[in-house]
Amino acid sequence: GYKKHTLRIIFKRNNRWYVIPVSTFVDGANTPDVKYLLPFLEDLQHRLNLHINYLVADMGYLDAEDKRIARTKHGTVVVTKVRCNMKPPEFMESDGCPTCDHFGQRLQYYGFDTEQNKHIFLKPDDGKDCGFCPFSSSCLGTFYYSPDADEHFLGGLPLHSRLAKTLLKKIRPLVESGNEEDKHRFQLESFFLNNL
């Protein structure tokens, strides 16, 4: 059998979602999905002069090195779920949210500092619980973490952030329905082993 790998652009206009397939590769069924991540990005930039800020992918594209290359070379953040057995670094909770060094409070994501190439996190609730921390007088209240600390949980966009959760919850299902639609539209059902 064969597997089809399609990159789609998804956007909302006039309260309606549009799913546009822009690039497709067909290969043997045993070909790993991640093999196509970087060629997709290079194809879009070369052929269409198109830059992708966020690419939402399934766990077949779960490769830290390819995510890092997409982020550093192409400026594209690849957002995927993680496997249940994947653990974040010690300074994070199980969902990937960093905690402060001393008191262990969950930090709030503020954004990305492009000059320092680091994510910025702030103390939660303007530090209302920080009064209990013995280090509160010396704490600056701002924490910086490099995307390189963990490509899956931090990367170009922290996995626990509202945007990452929204992309995985609302955008990812649009991709799945598009896969089936393409197979039927182009009458390819008999070529693929993974029909829904």
C-alpha atoms as a PDB file:
ATOM      1  CA  GLY A   1       0.000   0.000   0.000  1.00  0.00           C
ATOM      2  CA  TYR A   2       0.835   3.660  -0.099  1.00  0.00           C
ATOM      3  CA  LYS A   3       0.759   6.576   2.286  1.00  0.00           C
ATOM      4  CA  LYS A   4      -0.092  10.122   1.280  1.00  0.00           C
ATOM      5  CA  HIS A   5       1.549  13.067   3.035  1.00  0.00           C
ATOM      6  CA  THR A   6      -0.252  16.359   2.449  1.00  0.00           C
ATOM      7  CA  LEU A   7       0.539  19.808   3.791  1.00  0.00           C
ATOM      8  CA  ARG A   8      -2.540  21.995   4.087  1.00  0.00           C
ATOM      9  CA  ILE A   9      -2.961  25.664   4.849  1.00  0.00           C
ATOM     10  CA  ILE A  10      -5.860  26.279   7.201  1.00  0.00           C
ATOM     11  CA  PHE A  11      -7.313  29.733   7.720  1.00  0.00           C
ATOM     12  CA  LYS A  12     -10.535  31.375   8.830  1.00  0.00           C
ATOM     13  CA  ARG A  13     -12.267  34.016   6.732  1.00  0.00           C
ATOM     14  CA  ASN A  14     -15.727  35.491   7.298  1.00  0.00           C
ATOM     15  CA  ASN A  15     -16.362  32.988  10.128  1.00  0.00           C
ATOM     16  CA  ARG A  16     -15.673  30.024   7.853  1.00  0.00           C
ATOM     17  CA  TRP A  17     -12.685  27.674   7.984  1.00  0.00           C
ATOM     18  CA  TYR A  18     -10.845  26.908   4.754  1.00  0.00           C
ATOM     19  CA  VAL A  19      -8.525  23.922   4.267  1.00  0.00           C
ATOM     20  CA  ILE A  20      -6.326  24.224   1.187  1.00  0.00           C
ATOM     21  CA  PRO A  21      -3.944  21.379   0.224  1.00  0.00           C
ATOM     22  CA  VAL A  22      -0.718  22.894  -1.132  1.00  0.00           C
ATOM     23  CA  SER A  23       1.792  20.054  -1.348  1.00  0.00           C
ATOM     24  CA  THR A  24       1.480  16.257  -1.458  1.00  0.00           C
ATOM     25  CA  PHE A  25       3.948  13.384  -1.456  1.00  0.00           C
ATOM     26  CA  VAL A  26       2.973   9.746  -1.982  1.00  0.00           C
ATOM     27  CA  ASP A  27       5.347   7.020  -0.816  1.00  0.00           C
ATOM     28  CA  GLY A  28       5.364   3.444   0.444  1.00  0.00           C
ATOM     29  CA  ALA A  29       3.224   2.633   3.461  1.00  0.00           C
ATOM     30  CA  ASN A  30       6.262   1.867   5.600  1.00  0.00           C
ATOM     31  CA  THR A  31       7.892   5.300   5.036  1.00  0.00           C
ATOM     32  CA  PRO A  32       8.145   7.360   8.235  1.00  0.00           C
ATOM     33  CA  ASP A  33       6.089  10.572   8.158  1.00  0.00           C
ATOM     34  CA  VAL A  34       8.853  12.704   9.627  1.00  0.00           C
ATOM     35  CA  LYS A  35      10.898  12.213   6.444  1.00  0.00           C
ATOM     36  CA  TYR A  36       8.575  14.756   4.750  1.00  0.00           C
ATOM     37  CA  LEU A  37       8.536  17.574   7.303  1.00  0.00           C
ATOM     38  CA  LEU A  38      11.568  19.485   6.058  1.00  0.00           C
ATOM     39  CA  PRO A  39      10.921  18.813   2.331  1.00  0.00           C
ATOM     40  CA  PHE A  40       7.399  20.275   2.784  1.00  0.00           C
ATOM     41  CA  LEU A  41       8.805  23.468   4.263  1.00  0.00           C
ATOM     42  CA  GLU A  42      11.542  23.764   1.656  1.00  0.00           C
ATOM     43  CA  ASP A  43       9.019  23.145  -1.142  1.00  0.00           C
ATOM     44  CA  LEU A  44       6.713  25.885   0.139  1.00  0.00           C
ATOM     45  CA  GLN A  45       9.501  28.408   0.514  1.00  0.00           C
ATOM     46  CA  HIS A  46      11.102  27.601  -2.847  1.00  0.00           C
ATOM     47  CA  ARG A  47       8.084  27.016  -5.076  1.00  0.00           C
ATOM     48  CA  LEU A  48       5.481  29.320  -3.514  1.00  0.00           C
ATOM     49  CA  ASN A  49       7.692  31.775  -1.592  1.00  0.00           C
ATOM     50  CA  LEU A  50       5.444  31.044   1.390  1.00  0.00           C
ATOM     51  CA  HIS A  51       6.500  31.167   5.029  1.00  0.00           C
ATOM     52  CA  ILE A  52       4.642  29.051   7.618  1.00  0.00           C
ATOM     53  CA  ASN A  53       4.672  30.325  11.217  1.00  0.00           C
ATOM     54  CA  TYR A  54       2.982  27.317  12.843  1.00  0.00           C
ATOM     55  CA  LEU A  55       2.749  23.825  11.457  1.00  0.00           C
ATOM     56  CA  VAL A  56       0.390  21.501  13.343  1.00  0.00           C
ATOM     57  CA  ALA A  57       1.298  17.864  12.786  1.00  0.00           C
ATOM     58  CA  ASP A  58       0.405  14.437  14.087  1.00  0.00           C
ATOM     59  CA  MET A  59       2.780  12.370  16.196  1.00  0.00           C
ATOM     60  CA  GLY A  60       4.290  10.813  13.079  1.00  0.00           C
ATOM     61  CA  TYR A  61       6.278  14.051  12.850  1.00  0.00           C
ATOM     62  CA  LEU A  62       7.524  13.793  16.426  1.00  0.00           C
ATOM     63  CA  ASP A  63      11.255  14.190  15.877  1.00  0.00           C
ATOM     64  CA  ALA A  64      13.151  16.685  18.031  1.00  0.00           C
ATOM     65  CA  GLU A  65      15.952  17.301  15.537  1.00  0.00           C
ATOM     66  CA  ASP A  66      13.581  18.001  12.622  1.00  0.00           C
ATOM     67  CA  LYS A  67      11.512  20.313  14.839  1.00  0.00           C
ATOM     68  CA  ARG A  68      14.694  22.164  15.810  1.00  0.00           C
ATOM     69  CA  ILE A  69      15.778  22.532  12.155  1.00  0.00           C
ATOM     70  CA  ALA A  70      12.279  23.736  11.166  1.00  0.00           C
ATOM     71  CA  ARG A  71      12.418  26.326  13.966  1.00  0.00           C
ATOM     72  CA  THR A  72      15.982  27.563  13.451  1.00  0.00           C
ATOM     73  CA  LYS A  73      16.403  27.271   9.661  1.00  0.00           C
ATOM     74  CA  HIS A  74      12.850  27.887   8.396  1.00  0.00           C
ATOM     75  CA  GLY A  75      11.335  29.942  11.247  1.00  0.00           C
ATOM     76  CA  THR A  76       8.485  27.442  11.532  1.00  0.00           C
ATOM     77  CA  VAL A  77       7.189  26.152  14.859  1.00  0.00           C
ATOM     78  CA  VAL A  78       6.099  22.510  14.600  1.00  0.00           C
ATOM     79  CA  VAL A  79       3.392  21.714  17.157  1.00  0.00           C
ATOM     80  CA  THR A  80       2.614  18.078  17.956  1.00  0.00           C
ATOM     81  CA  LYS A  81       1.228  16.179  20.882  1.00  0.00           C
ATOM     82  CA  VAL A  82       3.741  14.126  22.856  1.00  0.00           C
ATOM     83  CA  ARG A  83       3.673  10.439  23.686  1.00  0.00           C
ATOM     84  CA  CYS A  84       2.289   9.548  27.095  1.00  0.00           C
ATOM     85  CA  ASN A  85       5.662   8.129  28.170  1.00  0.00           C
ATOM     86  CA  MET A  86       7.567  11.340  27.309  1.00  0.00           C
ATOM     87  CA  LYS A  87       8.586  13.304  30.388  1.00  0.00           C
ATOM     88  CA  PRO A  88       9.374  17.030  30.439  1.00  0.00           C
ATOM     89  CA  PRO A  89      12.590  18.357  32.025  1.00  0.00           C
ATOM     90  CA  GLU A  90      12.746  18.514  35.829  1.00  0.00           C
ATOM     91  CA  PHE A  91      11.944  22.245  35.996  1.00  0.00           C
ATOM     92  CA  MET A  92       8.508  21.582  34.434  1.00  0.00           C
ATOM     93  CA  GLU A  93       5.281  19.998  35.567  1.00  0.00           C
ATOM     94  CA  SER A  94       3.873  17.001  33.712  1.00  0.00           C
ATOM     95  CA  ASP A  95       2.060  19.181  31.133  1.00  0.00           C
ATOM     96  CA  GLY A  96       5.282  21.066  30.339  1.00  0.00           C
ATOM     97  CA  CYS A  97       4.586  24.209  32.357  1.00  0.00           C
ATOM     98  CA  PRO A  98       7.792  25.528  33.967  1.00  0.00           C
ATOM     99  CA  THR A  99       7.806  26.247  37.684  1.00  0.00           C
ATOM    100  CA  CYS A 100       9.805  28.832  39.590  1.00  0.00           C
ATOM    101  CA  ASP A 101      13.174  27.713  40.863  1.00  0.00           C
ATOM    102  CA  HIS A 102      12.503  28.198  44.575  1.00  0.00           C
ATOM    103  CA  PHE A 103       8.821  27.953  45.452  1.00  0.00           C
ATOM    104  CA  GLY A 104       7.636  25.629  42.662  1.00  0.00           C
ATOM    105  CA  GLN A 105       4.767  27.794  41.410  1.00  0.00           C
ATOM    106  CA  ARG A 106       3.537  27.351  37.851  1.00  0.00           C
ATOM    107  CA  LEU A 107       4.779  30.230  35.724  1.00  0.00           C
ATOM    108  CA  GLN A 108       2.767  32.196  33.197  1.00  0.00           C
ATOM    109  CA  TYR A 109       3.929  32.276  29.609  1.00  0.00           C
ATOM    110  CA  TYR A 110       4.591  35.815  28.449  1.00  0.00           C
ATOM    111  CA  GLY A 111       6.154  35.406  25.032  1.00  0.00           C
ATOM    112  CA  PHE A 112       9.397  34.918  23.155  1.00  0.00           C
ATOM    113  CA  ASP A 113      12.415  37.234  23.354  1.00  0.00           C
ATOM    114  CA  THR A 114      13.968  37.076  19.879  1.00  0.00           C
ATOM    115  CA  GLU A 115      17.126  38.930  20.951  1.00  0.00           C
ATOM    116  CA  GLN A 116      17.945  36.407  23.668  1.00  0.00           C
ATOM    117  CA  ASN A 117      16.324  33.510  21.762  1.00  0.00           C
ATOM    118  CA  LYS A 118      14.463  32.484  24.920  1.00  0.00           C
ATOM    119  CA  HIS A 119      10.910  32.085  26.161  1.00  0.00           C
ATOM    120  CA  ILE A 120       9.841  34.524  28.858  1.00  0.00           C
ATOM    121  CA  PHE A 121       7.792  33.362  31.828  1.00  0.00           C
ATOM    122  CA  LEU A 122       6.481  35.504  34.666  1.00  0.00           C
ATOM    123  CA  LYS A 123       5.501  34.711  38.228  1.00  0.00           C
ATOM    124  CA  PRO A 124       1.805  33.774  38.418  1.00  0.00           C
ATOM    125  CA  ASP A 125      -0.937  36.135  39.563  1.00  0.00           C
ATOM    126  CA  ASP A 126       1.561  38.994  39.818  1.00  0.00           C
ATOM    127  CA  GLY A 127       3.369  37.034  42.525  1.00  0.00           C
ATOM    128  CA  LYS A 128       0.602  37.044  45.130  1.00  0.00           C
ATOM    129  CA  ASP A 129       1.915  33.755  46.627  1.00  0.00           C
ATOM    130  CA  CYS A 130       5.543  34.849  46.386  1.00  0.00           C
ATOM    131  CA  GLY A 131       5.386  36.425  49.856  1.00  0.00           C
ATOM    132  CA  PHE A 132       5.651  32.921  51.314  1.00  0.00           C
ATOM    133  CA  CYS A 133       8.885  32.233  49.438  1.00  0.00           C
ATOM    134  CA  PRO A 134      12.117  32.904  51.403  1.00  0.00           C
ATOM    135  CA  PHE A 135      13.770  34.081  48.162  1.00  0.00           C
ATOM    136  CA  SER A 136      11.080  36.608  47.171  1.00  0.00           C
ATOM    137  CA  SER A 137      13.241  39.653  47.959  1.00  0.00           C
ATOM    138  CA  SER A 138      15.964  38.552  45.532  1.00  0.00           C
ATOM    139  CA  CYS A 139      13.660  37.101  42.843  1.00  0.00           C
ATOM    140  CA  LEU A 140      13.323  39.170  39.681  1.00  0.00           C
ATOM    141  CA  GLY A 141      10.001  37.489  38.844  1.00  0.00           C
ATOM    142  CA  THR A 142      11.007  36.877  35.232  1.00  0.00           C
ATOM    143  CA  PHE A 143      12.301  33.510  34.067  1.00  0.00           C
ATOM    144  CA  TYR A 144      13.951  32.677  30.756  1.00  0.00           C
ATOM    145  CA  TYR A 145      14.108  29.234  29.139  1.00  0.00           C
ATOM    146  CA  SER A 146      15.785  28.272  25.916  1.00  0.00           C
ATOM    147  CA  PRO A 147      13.713  26.389  23.318  1.00  0.00           C
ATOM    148  CA  ASP A 148      16.636  23.962  23.159  1.00  0.00           C
ATOM    149  CA  ALA A 149      15.900  22.798  26.728  1.00  0.00           C
ATOM    150  CA  ASP A 150      13.254  20.478  25.268  1.00  0.00           C
ATOM    151  CA  GLU A 151      12.114  20.708  21.663  1.00  0.00           C
ATOM    152  CA  HIS A 152       8.779  18.970  22.340  1.00  0.00           C
ATOM    153  CA  PHE A 153       7.652  20.782  25.495  1.00  0.00           C
ATOM    154  CA  LEU A 154       9.230  24.195  24.795  1.00  0.00           C
ATOM    155  CA  GLY A 155      10.547  24.402  21.234  1.00  0.00           C
ATOM    156  CA  GLY A 156       9.220  27.414  19.370  1.00  0.00           C
ATOM    157  CA  LEU A 157       5.964  27.408  21.351  1.00  0.00           C
ATOM    158  CA  PRO A 158       5.493  25.935  24.830  1.00  0.00           C
ATOM    159  CA  LEU A 159       3.200  22.923  24.600  1.00  0.00           C
ATOM    160  CA  HIS A 160       1.170  23.993  27.644  1.00  0.00           C
ATOM    161  CA  SER A 161       0.474  27.488  26.211  1.00  0.00           C
ATOM    162  CA  ARG A 162      -3.023  28.504  25.212  1.00  0.00           C
ATOM    163  CA  LEU A 163      -2.045  28.865  21.554  1.00  0.00           C
ATOM    164  CA  ALA A 164      -0.480  25.377  21.367  1.00  0.00           C
ATOM    165  CA  LYS A 165      -3.535  23.826  23.037  1.00  0.00           C
ATOM    166  CA  THR A 166      -5.870  25.663  20.660  1.00  0.00           C
ATOM    167  CA  LEU A 167      -3.886  24.582  17.599  1.00  0.00           C
ATOM    168  CA  LEU A 168      -3.948  20.936  18.678  1.00  0.00           C
ATOM    169  CA  LYS A 169      -7.599  20.930  19.750  1.00  0.00           C
ATOM    170  CA  LYS A 170      -9.218  22.990  16.961  1.00  0.00           C
ATOM    171  CA  ILE A 171      -6.894  22.888  13.950  1.00  0.00           C
ATOM    172  CA  ARG A 172      -5.600  19.307  14.061  1.00  0.00           C
ATOM    173  CA  PRO A 173      -9.106  17.751  13.572  1.00  0.00           C
ATOM    174  CA  LEU A 174      -9.542  19.847  10.410  1.00  0.00           C
ATOM    175  CA  VAL A 175      -6.480  18.118   8.960  1.00  0.00           C
ATOM    176  CA  GLU A 176      -7.849  14.618   9.610  1.00  0.00           C
ATOM    177  CA  SER A 177     -11.105  15.322   7.803  1.00  0.00           C
ATOM    178  CA  GLY A 178      -9.123  16.781   4.894  1.00  0.00           C
ATOM    179  CA  ASN A 179      -7.152  13.520   4.533  1.00  0.00           C
ATOM    180  CA  GLU A 180     -10.294  11.493   3.947  1.00  0.00           C
ATOM    181  CA  GLU A 181     -11.798  14.113   1.664  1.00  0.00           C
ATOM    182  CA  ASP A 182      -8.718  14.050  -0.584  1.00  0.00           C
ATOM    183  CA  LYS A 183      -8.799  10.252  -0.877  1.00  0.00           C
ATOM    184  CA  HIS A 184     -12.421  10.333  -2.013  1.00  0.00           C
ATOM    185  CA  ARG A 185     -12.069  13.409  -4.235  1.00  0.00           C
ATOM    186  CA  PHE A 186      -9.185  11.885  -6.185  1.00  0.00           C
ATOM    187  CA  GLN A 187     -10.620   8.321  -6.030  1.00  0.00           C
ATOM    188  CA  LEU A 188      -7.562   6.996  -4.208  1.00  0.00           C
ATOM    189  CA  GLU A 189      -9.308   4.877  -1.544  1.00  0.00           C
ATOM    190  CA  SER A 190      -8.039   1.577  -2.955  1.00  0.00           C
ATOM    191  CA  PHE A 191      -4.389   2.704  -2.823  1.00  0.00           C
ATOM    192  CA  PHE A 192      -4.295   3.440   0.916  1.00  0.00           C
ATOM    193  CA  LEU A 193      -4.323   1.137   3.905  1.00  0.00           C
ATOM    194  CA  ASN A 194      -5.332   3.777   6.463  1.00  0.00           C
ATOM    195  CA  ASN A 195      -8.849   4.842   5.403  1.00  0.00           C
ATOM    196  CA  LEU A 196     -11.124   5.835   8.264  1.00  0.00           C
END
